[in-house]
C-alpha cells in the first residue's frame, strides 16, 4: 500500500463494504480497489483499454441483442 501513494499516477476506482463474517452485529469492513502507474501515459493507455473492454462486454451485448 505504501507504493500506491508514492507512484506518479494512481486512481481509486471501486469500493465496497461488508460486515465481518456477514453478521450485521459485527464491525463493518471497507475494501478499496485502486491501481497505480509510474507515469501518466500508462494510466491513460490502461483507461482506454478498460473503455474498449466495456464496449465488448458479453453481458451488455446480450441484453442489447435480446439474447438469453
PDB file of N, CA and C in Angstrom:
ATOM      1  N   UNK A   1       0.814  -1.183   0.000  1.00  0.00           N
ATOM      2  CA  UNK A   1       0.000   0.000   0.000  1.00  0.00           C
ATOM      3  C   UNK A   1       0.862   1.253   0.000  1.00  0.00           C
ATOM      4  N   UNK A   2       2.027   1.198   0.577  1.00  0.00           N
ATOM      5  CA  UNK A   2       2.862   2.397   0.629  1.00  0.00           C
ATOM      6  C   UNK A   2       3.322   2.809  -0.771  1.00  0.00           C
ATOM      7  N   UNK A   3       3.571   1.846  -1.671  1.00  0.00           N
ATOM      8  CA  UNK A   3       3.984   2.180  -3.029  1.00  0.00           C
ATOM      9  C   UNK A   3       2.861   2.868  -3.792  1.00  0.00           C
ATOM     10  N   UNK A   4       1.635   2.498  -3.509  1.00  0.00           N
ATOM     11  CA  UNK A   4       0.488   3.049  -4.225  1.00  0.00           C
ATOM     12  C   UNK A   4       0.463   4.576  -4.141  1.00  0.00           C
ATOM     13  N   UNK A   5       0.743   5.127  -2.995  1.00  0.00           N
ATOM     14  CA  UNK A   5       0.678   6.572  -2.830  1.00  0.00           C
ATOM     15  C   UNK A   5       1.951   7.280  -3.279  1.00  0.00           C
ATOM     16  N   UNK A   6       3.054   6.552  -3.448  1.00  0.00           N
ATOM     17  CA  UNK A   6       4.287   7.152  -3.948  1.00  0.00           C
ATOM     18  C   UNK A   6       4.362   7.131  -5.474  1.00  0.00           C
ATOM     19  N   UNK A   7       3.489   6.399  -6.119  1.00  0.00           N
ATOM     20  CA  UNK A   7       3.501   6.314  -7.579  1.00  0.00           C
ATOM     21  C   UNK A   7       3.118   7.667  -8.174  1.00  0.00           C
ATOM     22  N   UNK A   8       3.567   7.914  -9.388  1.00  0.00           N
ATOM     23  CA  UNK A   8       3.301   9.196 -10.030  1.00  0.00           C
ATOM     24  C   UNK A   8       1.827   9.368 -10.388  1.00  0.00           C
ATOM     25  N   UNK A   9       1.182   8.303 -10.822  1.00  0.00           N
ATOM     26  CA  UNK A   9      -0.220   8.393 -11.226  1.00  0.00           C
ATOM     27  C   UNK A   9      -0.971   7.230 -10.595  1.00  0.00           C
ATOM     28  N   UNK A  10      -2.008   7.527  -9.821  1.00  0.00           N
ATOM     29  CA  UNK A  10      -2.789   6.481  -9.191  1.00  0.00           C
ATOM     30  C   UNK A  10      -4.266   6.836  -9.287  1.00  0.00           C
ATOM     31  N   UNK A  11      -5.088   5.809  -9.204  1.00  0.00           N
ATOM     32  CA  UNK A  11      -6.522   6.009  -9.335  1.00  0.00           C
ATOM     33  C   UNK A  11      -7.255   4.997  -8.467  1.00  0.00           C
ATOM     34  N   UNK A  12      -8.225   5.468  -7.709  1.00  0.00           N
ATOM     35  CA  UNK A  12      -9.122   4.597  -6.966  1.00  0.00           C
ATOM     36  C   UNK A  12     -10.372   4.443  -7.804  1.00  0.00           C
ATOM     37  N   UNK A  13     -10.790   3.206  -8.065  1.00  0.00           N
ATOM     38  CA  UNK A  13     -11.900   3.029  -8.995  1.00  0.00           C
ATOM     39  C   UNK A  13     -13.082   2.258  -8.450  1.00  0.00           C
ATOM     40  N   UNK A  14     -12.996   1.696  -7.271  1.00  0.00           N
ATOM     41  CA  UNK A  14     -14.145   0.981  -6.735  1.00  0.00           C
ATOM     42  C   UNK A  14     -13.965   0.802  -5.237  1.00  0.00           C
ATOM     43  N   UNK A  15     -15.053   0.808  -4.520  1.00  0.00           N
ATOM     44  CA  UNK A  15     -15.019   0.461  -3.111  1.00  0.00           C
ATOM     45  C   UNK A  15     -16.268  -0.343  -2.775  1.00  0.00           C
ATOM     46  N   UNK A  16     -16.178  -1.098  -1.707  1.00  0.00           N
ATOM     47  CA  UNK A  16     -17.324  -1.882  -1.261  1.00  0.00           C
ATOM     48  C   UNK A  16     -17.234  -2.048   0.254  1.00  0.00           C
ATOM     49  N   UNK A  17     -18.363  -2.318   0.862  1.00  0.00           N
ATOM     50  CA  UNK A  17     -18.410  -2.507   2.308  1.00  0.00           C
ATOM     51  C   UNK A  17     -19.161  -3.785   2.619  1.00  0.00           C
ATOM     52  N   UNK A  18     -18.781  -4.407   3.704  1.00  0.00           N
ATOM     53  CA  UNK A  18     -19.486  -5.603   4.166  1.00  0.00           C
ATOM     54  C   UNK A  18     -19.270  -5.741   5.665  1.00  0.00           C
ATOM     55  N   UNK A  19     -20.087  -6.563   6.269  1.00  0.00           N
ATOM     56  CA  UNK A  19     -19.925  -6.841   7.682  1.00  0.00           C
ATOM     57  C   UNK A  19     -18.997  -8.026   7.866  1.00  0.00           C
ATOM     58  N   UNK A  20     -18.200  -7.993   8.918  1.00  0.00           N
ATOM     59  CA  UNK A  20     -17.287  -9.089   9.222  1.00  0.00           C
ATOM     60  C   UNK A  20     -18.095 -10.359   9.432  1.00  0.00           C
ATOM     61  N   UNK A  21     -17.763 -11.390   8.716  1.00  0.00           N
ATOM     62  CA  UNK A  21     -18.429 -12.691   8.749  1.00  0.00           C
ATOM     63  C   UNK A  21     -19.905 -12.608   8.371  1.00  0.00           C
ATOM     64  N   UNK A  22     -20.309 -11.538   7.666  1.00  0.00           N
ATOM     65  CA  UNK A  22     -21.673 -11.410   7.175  1.00  0.00           C
ATOM     66  C   UNK A  22     -22.721 -11.143   8.244  1.00  0.00           C
ATOM     67  N   UNK A  23     -22.304 -10.799   9.434  1.00  0.00           N
ATOM     68  CA  UNK A  23     -23.236 -10.554  10.541  1.00  0.00           C
ATOM     69  C   UNK A  23     -23.298  -9.053  10.818  1.00  0.00           C
ATOM     70  N   UNK A  24     -24.514  -8.478  10.808  1.00  0.00           N
ATOM     71  CA  UNK A  24     -24.663  -7.036  10.993  1.00  0.00           C
ATOM     72  C   UNK A  24     -24.297  -6.577  12.404  1.00  0.00           C
ATOM     73  N   UNK A  25     -24.149  -7.494  13.330  1.00  0.00           N
ATOM     74  CA  UNK A  25     -23.714  -7.137  14.683  1.00  0.00           C
ATOM     75  C   UNK A  25     -22.203  -6.925  14.763  1.00  0.00           C
ATOM     76  N   UNK A  26     -21.471  -7.403  13.765  1.00  0.00           N
ATOM     77  CA  UNK A  26     -20.016  -7.253  13.731  1.00  0.00           C
ATOM     78  C   UNK A  26     -19.623  -5.934  13.078  1.00  0.00           C
ATOM     79  N   UNK A  27     -18.336  -5.624  13.122  1.00  0.00           N
ATOM     80  CA  UNK A  27     -17.808  -4.395  12.531  1.00  0.00           C
ATOM     81  C   UNK A  27     -17.960  -4.399  11.014  1.00  0.00           C
ATOM     82  N   UNK A  28     -18.101  -3.211  10.469  1.00  0.00           N
ATOM     83  CA  UNK A  28     -18.172  -3.046   9.020  1.00  0.00           C
ATOM     84  C   UNK A  28     -16.761  -2.939   8.455  1.00  0.00           C
ATOM     85  N   UNK A  29     -16.528  -3.599   7.349  1.00  0.00           N
ATOM     86  CA  UNK A  29     -15.217  -3.583   6.692  1.00  0.00           C
ATOM     87  C   UNK A  29     -15.324  -2.828   5.380  1.00  0.00           C
ATOM     88  N   UNK A  30     -14.271  -2.150   4.989  1.00  0.00           N
ATOM     89  CA  UNK A  30     -14.247  -1.371   3.758  1.00  0.00           C
ATOM     90  C   UNK A  30     -13.145  -1.926   2.858  1.00  0.00           C
ATOM     91  N   UNK A  31     -13.477  -2.211   1.613  1.00  0.00           N
ATOM     92  CA  UNK A  31     -12.495  -2.684   0.633  1.00  0.00           C
ATOM     93  C   UNK A  31     -12.381  -1.618  -0.450  1.00  0.00           C
ATOM     94  N   UNK A  32     -11.148  -1.231  -0.779  1.00  0.00           N
ATOM     95  CA  UNK A  32     -10.897  -0.196  -1.769  1.00  0.00           C
ATOM     96  C   UNK A  32     -10.044  -0.803  -2.879  1.00  0.00           C
ATOM     97  N   UNK A  33     -10.475  -0.601  -4.124  1.00  0.00           N
ATOM     98  CA  UNK A  33      -9.735  -1.093  -5.276  1.00  0.00           C
ATOM     99  C   UNK A  33      -9.064   0.088  -5.961  1.00  0.00           C
ATOM    100  N   UNK A  34      -7.804  -0.063  -6.290  1.00  0.00           N
ATOM    101  CA  UNK A  34      -7.080   1.003  -6.965  1.00  0.00           C
ATOM    102  C   UNK A  34      -5.941   0.442  -7.781  1.00  0.00           C
ATOM    103  N   UNK A  35      -5.347   1.306  -8.569  1.00  0.00           N
ATOM    104  CA  UNK A  35      -4.231   0.905  -9.413  1.00  0.00           C
ATOM    105  C   UNK A  35      -3.282   2.086  -9.538  1.00  0.00           C
ATOM    106  N   UNK A  36      -2.002   1.811  -9.685  1.00  0.00           N
ATOM    107  CA  UNK A  36      -1.025   2.883  -9.819  1.00  0.00           C
ATOM    108  C   UNK A  36      -0.061   2.575 -10.966  1.00  0.00           C
ATOM    109  N   UNK A  37       0.431   3.635 -11.570  1.00  0.00           N
ATOM    110  CA  UNK A  37       1.363   3.531 -12.686  1.00  0.00           C
ATOM    111  C   UNK A  37       2.510   4.507 -12.474  1.00  0.00           C
ATOM    112  N   UNK A  38       3.668   4.233 -13.051  1.00  0.00           N
ATOM    113  CA  UNK A  38       4.805   5.145 -12.889  1.00  0.00           C
ATOM    114  C   UNK A  38       4.660   6.452 -13.672  1.00  0.00           C
ATOM    115  N   UNK A  39       3.804   6.475 -14.702  1.00  0.00           N
ATOM    116  CA  UNK A  39       3.625   7.731 -15.442  1.00  0.00           C
ATOM    117  C   UNK A  39       2.202   7.862 -15.976  1.00  0.00           C
ATOM    118  N   UNK A  40       1.861   9.066 -16.406  1.00  0.00           N
ATOM    119  CA  UNK A  40       0.504   9.383 -16.845  1.00  0.00           C
ATOM    120  C   UNK A  40       0.139   8.675 -18.148  1.00  0.00           C
ATOM    121  N   UNK A  41       1.109   8.433 -19.013  1.00  0.00           N
ATOM    122  CA  UNK A  41       0.853   7.790 -20.308  1.00  0.00           C
ATOM    123  C   UNK A  41       0.321   6.371 -20.109  1.00  0.00           C
ATOM    124  N   UNK A  42       0.949   5.633 -19.232  1.00  0.00           N
ATOM    125  CA  UNK A  42       0.493   4.272 -18.973  1.00  0.00           C
ATOM    126  C   UNK A  42      -0.904   4.258 -18.369  1.00  0.00           C
ATOM    127  N   UNK A  43      -1.200   5.230 -17.520  1.00  0.00           N
ATOM    128  CA  UNK A  43      -2.541   5.323 -16.930  1.00  0.00           C
ATOM    129  C   UNK A  43      -3.588   5.580 -18.008  1.00  0.00           C
ATOM    130  N   UNK A  44      -3.305   6.494 -18.931  1.00  0.00           N
ATOM    131  CA  UNK A  44      -4.279   6.793 -19.984  1.00  0.00           C
ATOM    132  C   UNK A  44      -4.457   5.601 -20.922  1.00  0.00           C
ATOM    133  N   UNK A  45      -3.381   4.850 -21.209  1.00  0.00           N
ATOM    134  CA  UNK A  45      -3.497   3.648 -22.031  1.00  0.00           C
ATOM    135  C   UNK A  45      -4.372   2.605 -21.340  1.00  0.00           C
ATOM    136  N   UNK A  46      -4.207   2.459 -20.035  1.00  0.00           N
ATOM    137  CA  UNK A  46      -4.998   1.489 -19.280  1.00  0.00           C
ATOM    138  C   UNK A  46      -6.480   1.874 -19.281  1.00  0.00           C
ATOM    139  N   UNK A  47      -6.764   3.155 -19.086  1.00  0.00           N
ATOM    140  CA  UNK A  47      -8.157   3.605 -19.093  1.00  0.00           C
ATOM    141  C   UNK A  47      -8.788   3.428 -20.472  1.00  0.00           C
ATOM    142  N   UNK A  48      -8.020   3.634 -21.539  1.00  0.00           N
ATOM    143  CA  UNK A  48      -8.530   3.401 -22.890  1.00  0.00           C
ATOM    144  C   UNK A  48      -8.821   1.909 -23.084  1.00  0.00           C
ATOM    145  N   UNK A  49      -7.942   1.055 -22.566  1.00  0.00           N
ATOM    146  CA  UNK A  49      -8.149  -0.391 -22.640  1.00  0.00           C
ATOM    147  C   UNK A  49      -9.436  -0.791 -21.919  1.00  0.00           C
ATOM    148  N   UNK A  50      -9.676  -0.228 -20.730  1.00  0.00           N
ATOM    149  CA  UNK A  50     -10.897  -0.544 -19.989  1.00  0.00           C
ATOM    150  C   UNK A  50     -12.145  -0.071 -20.726  1.00  0.00           C
ATOM    151  N   UNK A  51     -12.062   1.080 -21.376  1.00  0.00           N
ATOM    152  CA  UNK A  51     -13.210   1.594 -22.132  1.00  0.00           C
ATOM    153  C   UNK A  51     -13.526   0.678 -23.310  1.00  0.00           C
ATOM    154  N   UNK A  52     -12.509   0.199 -24.011  1.00  0.00           N
ATOM    155  CA  UNK A  52     -12.722  -0.733 -25.124  1.00  0.00           C
ATOM    156  C   UNK A  52     -13.289  -2.054 -24.621  1.00  0.00           C
ATOM    157  N   UNK A  53     -12.801  -2.528 -23.492  1.00  0.00           N
ATOM    158  CA  UNK A  53     -13.312  -3.788 -22.931  1.00  0.00           C
ATOM    159  C   UNK A  53     -14.776  -3.653 -22.531  1.00  0.00           C
ATOM    160  N   UNK A  54     -15.160  -2.501 -22.008  1.00  0.00           N
ATOM    161  CA  UNK A  54     -16.563  -2.287 -21.616  1.00  0.00           C
ATOM    162  C   UNK A  54     -17.482  -2.319 -22.831  1.00  0.00           C
ATOM    163  N   UNK A  55     -16.995  -1.832 -23.981  1.00  0.00           N
ATOM    164  CA  UNK A  55     -17.800  -1.867 -25.202  1.00  0.00           C
ATOM    165  C   UNK A  55     -18.062  -3.295 -25.668  1.00  0.00           C
ATOM    166  N   UNK A  56     -17.138  -4.208 -25.368  1.00  0.00           N
ATOM    167  CA  UNK A  56     -17.233  -5.594 -25.836  1.00  0.00           C
ATOM    168  C   UNK A  56     -17.706  -6.557 -24.755  1.00  0.00           C
ATOM    169  N   UNK A  57     -18.245  -6.039 -23.671  1.00  0.00           N
ATOM    170  CA  UNK A  57     -18.700  -6.880 -22.557  1.00  0.00           C
ATOM    171  C   UNK A  57     -19.852  -7.772 -23.015  1.00  0.00           C
ATOM    172  N   UNK A  58     -19.691  -9.069 -22.871  1.00  0.00           N
ATOM    173  CA  UNK A  58     -20.697 -10.012 -23.352  1.00  0.00           C
ATOM    174  C   UNK A  58     -22.027  -9.852 -22.623  1.00  0.00           C
ATOM    175  N   UNK A  59     -22.017  -9.401 -21.384  1.00  0.00           N
ATOM    176  CA  UNK A  59     -23.282  -9.206 -20.655  1.00  0.00           C
ATOM    177  C   UNK A  59     -24.068  -8.052 -21.252  1.00  0.00           C
ATOM    178  N   UNK A  60     -23.397  -6.989 -21.636  1.00  0.00           N
ATOM    179  CA  UNK A  60     -24.067  -5.835 -22.239  1.00  0.00           C
ATOM    180  C   UNK A  60     -24.561  -6.170 -23.649  1.00  0.00           C
ATOM    181  N   UNK A  61     -23.735  -6.825 -24.427  1.00  0.00           N
ATOM    182  CA  UNK A  61     -24.101  -7.168 -25.799  1.00  0.00           C
ATOM    183  C   UNK A  61     -25.314  -8.095 -25.813  1.00  0.00           C
ATOM    184  N   UNK A  62     -25.377  -9.061 -24.902  1.00  0.00           N
ATOM    185  CA  UNK A  62     -26.507  -9.982 -24.824  1.00  0.00           C
ATOM    186  C   UNK A  62     -27.822  -9.277 -24.541  1.00  0.00           C
ATOM    187  N   UNK A  63     -27.798  -8.272 -23.676  1.00  0.00           N
ATOM    188  CA  UNK A  63     -29.028  -7.533 -23.367  1.00  0.00           C
ATOM    189  C   UNK A  63     -29.470  -6.687 -24.553  1.00  0.00           C
ATOM    190  N   UNK A  64     -28.528  -6.077 -25.236  1.00  0.00           N
ATOM    191  CA  UNK A  64     -28.861  -5.228 -26.387  1.00  0.00           C
ATOM    192  C   UNK A  64     -29.472  -6.066 -27.508  1.00  0.00           C
ATOM    193  N   UNK A  65     -28.950  -7.253 -27.716  1.00  0.00           N
ATOM    194  CA  UNK A  65     -29.435  -8.107 -28.811  1.00  0.00           C
ATOM    195  C   UNK A  65     -30.562  -9.037 -28.366  1.00  0.00           C
ATOM    196  N   UNK A  66     -31.065  -8.871 -27.174  1.00  0.00           N
ATOM    197  CA  UNK A  66     -32.162  -9.675 -26.619  1.00  0.00           C
ATOM    198  C   UNK A  66     -31.833 -11.172 -26.618  1.00  0.00           C
ATOM    199  N   UNK A  67     -30.608 -11.504 -26.242  1.00  0.00           N
ATOM    200  CA  UNK A  67     -30.216 -12.906 -26.111  1.00  0.00           C
ATOM    201  C   UNK A  67     -30.351 -13.341 -24.672  1.00  0.00           C
ATOM    202  N   UNK A  68     -30.532 -14.618 -24.460  1.00  0.00           N
ATOM    203  CA  UNK A  68     -30.634 -15.124 -23.096  1.00  0.00           C
ATOM    204  C   UNK A  68     -29.317 -15.450 -22.578  1.00  0.00           C
TER     205      UNK A  68
END
